[in-house]
Amino acid sequence: MTTDELLEKMLIAMEKMIDAQDDMWEEEKYSNYRHRNQIREQVFLPAKEEFKSLLIDVIKSVK
């Protein structure tokens, strides 16, 4: 995969993280912590791991 493709995938993962963070904030605002935690576990954390993995791949490709 090229560096540009990796960076594009990183942006998509970051957008998922931001959207999930917004959703978690909305749920927390209305004290719906159970649903907030579901969003965190099902959307935010997988997107965060994907972002970290892609970042490592970008760093390796630049070396």
N, C-alpha and C. Protein backbone atom coordinates (compact mmCIF):
# COMPACT_ATOMS: atom_id res chain seq x y z
N MET A 1 0.85 -1.17 0.00
CA MET A 1 0.00 0.00 0.00
C MET A 1 0.90 1.24 0.00
N THR A 2 0.52 2.23 -0.77
CA THR A 2 1.34 3.44 -0.84
C THR A 2 1.11 4.31 0.40
N THR A 3 2.01 5.24 0.61
CA THR A 3 1.88 6.15 1.75
C THR A 3 0.60 6.96 1.64
N ASP A 4 0.26 7.40 0.44
CA ASP A 4 -0.97 8.18 0.25
C ASP A 4 -2.21 7.37 0.63
N GLU A 5 -2.23 6.10 0.26
CA GLU A 5 -3.36 5.24 0.61
C GLU A 5 -3.43 5.04 2.12
N LEU A 6 -2.28 4.86 2.75
CA LEU A 6 -2.25 4.72 4.21
C LEU A 6 -2.76 5.98 4.89
N LEU A 7 -2.32 7.13 4.40
CA LEU A 7 -2.77 8.40 4.99
C LEU A 7 -4.27 8.60 4.81
N GLU A 8 -4.80 8.20 3.67
CA GLU A 8 -6.24 8.30 3.43
C GLU A 8 -7.01 7.42 4.42
N LYS A 9 -6.52 6.21 4.63
CA LYS A 9 -7.17 5.31 5.59
C LYS A 9 -7.05 5.86 7.01
N MET A 10 -5.93 6.52 7.32
CA MET A 10 -5.77 7.14 8.63
C MET A 10 -6.81 8.23 8.84
N LEU A 11 -7.05 9.03 7.81
CA LEU A 11 -8.05 10.08 7.91
C LEU A 11 -9.44 9.51 8.16
N ILE A 12 -9.77 8.43 7.48
CA ILE A 12 -11.06 7.78 7.68
C ILE A 12 -11.19 7.27 9.11
N ALA A 13 -10.13 6.64 9.61
CA ALA A 13 -10.15 6.14 10.99
C ALA A 13 -10.28 7.30 11.98
N MET A 14 -9.61 8.40 11.70
CA MET A 14 -9.69 9.56 12.59
C MET A 14 -11.11 10.15 12.57
N GLU A 15 -11.74 10.19 11.40
CA GLU A 15 -13.12 10.67 11.31
C GLU A 15 -14.05 9.79 12.13
N LYS A 16 -13.84 8.47 12.09
CA LYS A 16 -14.66 7.56 12.89
C LYS A 16 -14.48 7.85 14.38
N MET A 17 -13.23 8.10 14.78
CA MET A 17 -12.95 8.40 16.18
C MET A 17 -13.64 9.70 16.60
N ILE A 18 -13.59 10.71 15.76
CA ILE A 18 -14.21 12.00 16.08
C ILE A 18 -15.73 11.86 16.15
N ASP A 19 -16.32 11.14 15.20
CA ASP A 19 -17.77 10.93 15.22
C ASP A 19 -18.19 10.15 16.47
N ALA A 20 -17.42 9.14 16.82
CA ALA A 20 -17.73 8.35 18.02
C ALA A 20 -17.59 9.21 19.27
N GLN A 21 -16.57 10.07 19.30
CA GLN A 21 -16.38 10.95 20.45
C GLN A 21 -17.57 11.90 20.59
N ASP A 22 -18.06 12.43 19.48
CA ASP A 22 -19.25 13.30 19.51
C ASP A 22 -20.46 12.54 20.03
N ASP A 23 -20.65 11.31 19.54
CA ASP A 23 -21.77 10.49 20.00
C ASP A 23 -21.66 10.18 21.48
N MET A 24 -20.45 9.87 21.94
CA MET A 24 -20.25 9.58 23.36
C MET A 24 -20.55 10.81 24.21
N TRP A 25 -20.16 11.98 23.73
CA TRP A 25 -20.43 13.22 24.46
C TRP A 25 -21.93 13.45 24.57
N GLU A 26 -22.67 13.22 23.48
CA GLU A 26 -24.13 13.37 23.51
C GLU A 26 -24.75 12.44 24.54
N GLU A 27 -24.33 11.20 24.55
CA GLU A 27 -24.89 10.24 25.50
C GLU A 27 -24.54 10.62 26.93
N GLU A 28 -23.32 11.09 27.14
CA GLU A 28 -22.90 11.49 28.48
C GLU A 28 -23.69 12.71 28.95
N LYS A 29 -23.98 13.61 28.02
CA LYS A 29 -24.73 14.82 28.34
C LYS A 29 -26.09 14.46 28.94
N TYR A 30 -26.69 13.39 28.43
CA TYR A 30 -28.00 12.96 28.93
C TYR A 30 -27.88 11.81 29.93
N SER A 31 -26.71 11.64 30.49
CA SER A 31 -26.43 10.63 31.53
C SER A 31 -26.75 9.21 31.08
N ASN A 32 -26.58 8.93 29.81
CA ASN A 32 -26.80 7.58 29.29
C ASN A 32 -25.43 6.90 29.15
N TYR A 33 -24.85 6.58 30.29
CA TYR A 33 -23.48 6.07 30.32
C TYR A 33 -23.36 4.68 29.72
N ARG A 34 -24.40 3.88 29.83
CA ARG A 34 -24.35 2.53 29.27
C ARG A 34 -24.18 2.59 27.75
N HIS A 35 -24.99 3.42 27.11
CA HIS A 35 -24.89 3.55 25.65
C HIS A 35 -23.58 4.21 25.26
N ARG A 36 -23.11 5.15 26.07
CA ARG A 36 -21.83 5.81 25.82
C ARG A 36 -20.71 4.77 25.80
N ASN A 37 -20.73 3.87 26.77
CA ASN A 37 -19.69 2.84 26.85
C ASN A 37 -19.78 1.86 25.68
N GLN A 38 -21.02 1.58 25.22
CA GLN A 38 -21.18 0.72 24.04
C GLN A 38 -20.54 1.36 22.81
N ILE A 39 -20.78 2.66 22.63
CA ILE A 39 -20.19 3.38 21.50
C ILE A 39 -18.68 3.33 21.61
N ARG A 40 -18.17 3.54 22.81
CA ARG A 40 -16.72 3.53 23.02
C ARG A 40 -16.11 2.18 22.63
N GLU A 41 -16.76 1.11 23.10
CA GLU A 41 -16.22 -0.23 22.86
C GLU A 41 -16.42 -0.70 21.42
N GLN A 42 -17.54 -0.34 20.81
CA GLN A 42 -17.86 -0.87 19.48
C GLN A 42 -17.35 -0.01 18.34
N VAL A 43 -17.15 1.30 18.58
CA VAL A 43 -16.75 2.18 17.48
C VAL A 43 -15.41 2.87 17.75
N PHE A 44 -15.31 3.54 18.89
CA PHE A 44 -14.13 4.37 19.15
C PHE A 44 -12.85 3.55 19.29
N LEU A 45 -12.87 2.54 20.15
CA LEU A 45 -11.65 1.76 20.39
C LEU A 45 -11.16 1.02 19.14
N PRO A 46 -12.05 0.38 18.35
CA PRO A 46 -11.56 -0.25 17.12
C PRO A 46 -10.97 0.77 16.13
N ALA A 47 -11.59 1.95 16.03
CA ALA A 47 -11.06 2.99 15.14
C ALA A 47 -9.71 3.48 15.64
N LYS A 48 -9.57 3.58 16.96
CA LYS A 48 -8.29 4.02 17.54
C LYS A 48 -7.19 3.01 17.24
N GLU A 49 -7.49 1.72 17.39
CA GLU A 49 -6.51 0.68 17.10
C GLU A 49 -6.14 0.67 15.61
N GLU A 50 -7.13 0.86 14.76
CA GLU A 50 -6.86 0.92 13.32
C GLU A 50 -5.96 2.11 13.00
N PHE A 51 -6.23 3.25 13.61
CA PHE A 51 -5.42 4.44 13.40
C PHE A 51 -3.98 4.20 13.83
N LYS A 52 -3.81 3.62 15.01
CA LYS A 52 -2.45 3.35 15.51
C LYS A 52 -1.70 2.40 14.58
N SER A 53 -2.37 1.37 14.11
CA SER A 53 -1.75 0.41 13.21
C SER A 53 -1.34 1.08 11.89
N LEU A 54 -2.22 1.91 11.36
CA LEU A 54 -1.91 2.61 10.12
C LEU A 54 -0.77 3.60 10.32
N LEU A 55 -0.73 4.25 11.46
CA LEU A 55 0.35 5.19 11.75
C LEU A 55 1.70 4.46 11.76
N ILE A 56 1.73 3.30 12.37
CA ILE A 56 2.96 2.50 12.38
C ILE A 56 3.36 2.12 10.96
N ASP A 57 2.37 1.74 10.14
CA ASP A 57 2.66 1.40 8.74
C ASP A 57 3.22 2.59 7.97
N VAL A 58 2.67 3.78 8.22
CA VAL A 58 3.16 4.98 7.54
C VAL A 58 4.60 5.26 7.95
N ILE A 59 4.88 5.15 9.23
CA ILE A 59 6.24 5.40 9.72
C ILE A 59 7.22 4.41 9.09
N LYS A 60 6.82 3.15 9.02
CA LYS A 60 7.69 2.14 8.40
C LYS A 60 7.91 2.41 6.92
N SER A 61 6.88 2.90 6.24
CA SER A 61 7.01 3.14 4.80
C SER A 61 7.87 4.35 4.49
N VAL A 62 7.97 5.27 5.43
CA VAL A 62 8.77 6.48 5.23
C VAL A 62 10.24 6.22 5.48
N LYS A 63 10.55 5.28 6.35
CA LYS A 63 11.95 4.98 6.70
C LYS A 63 12.76 4.57 5.52
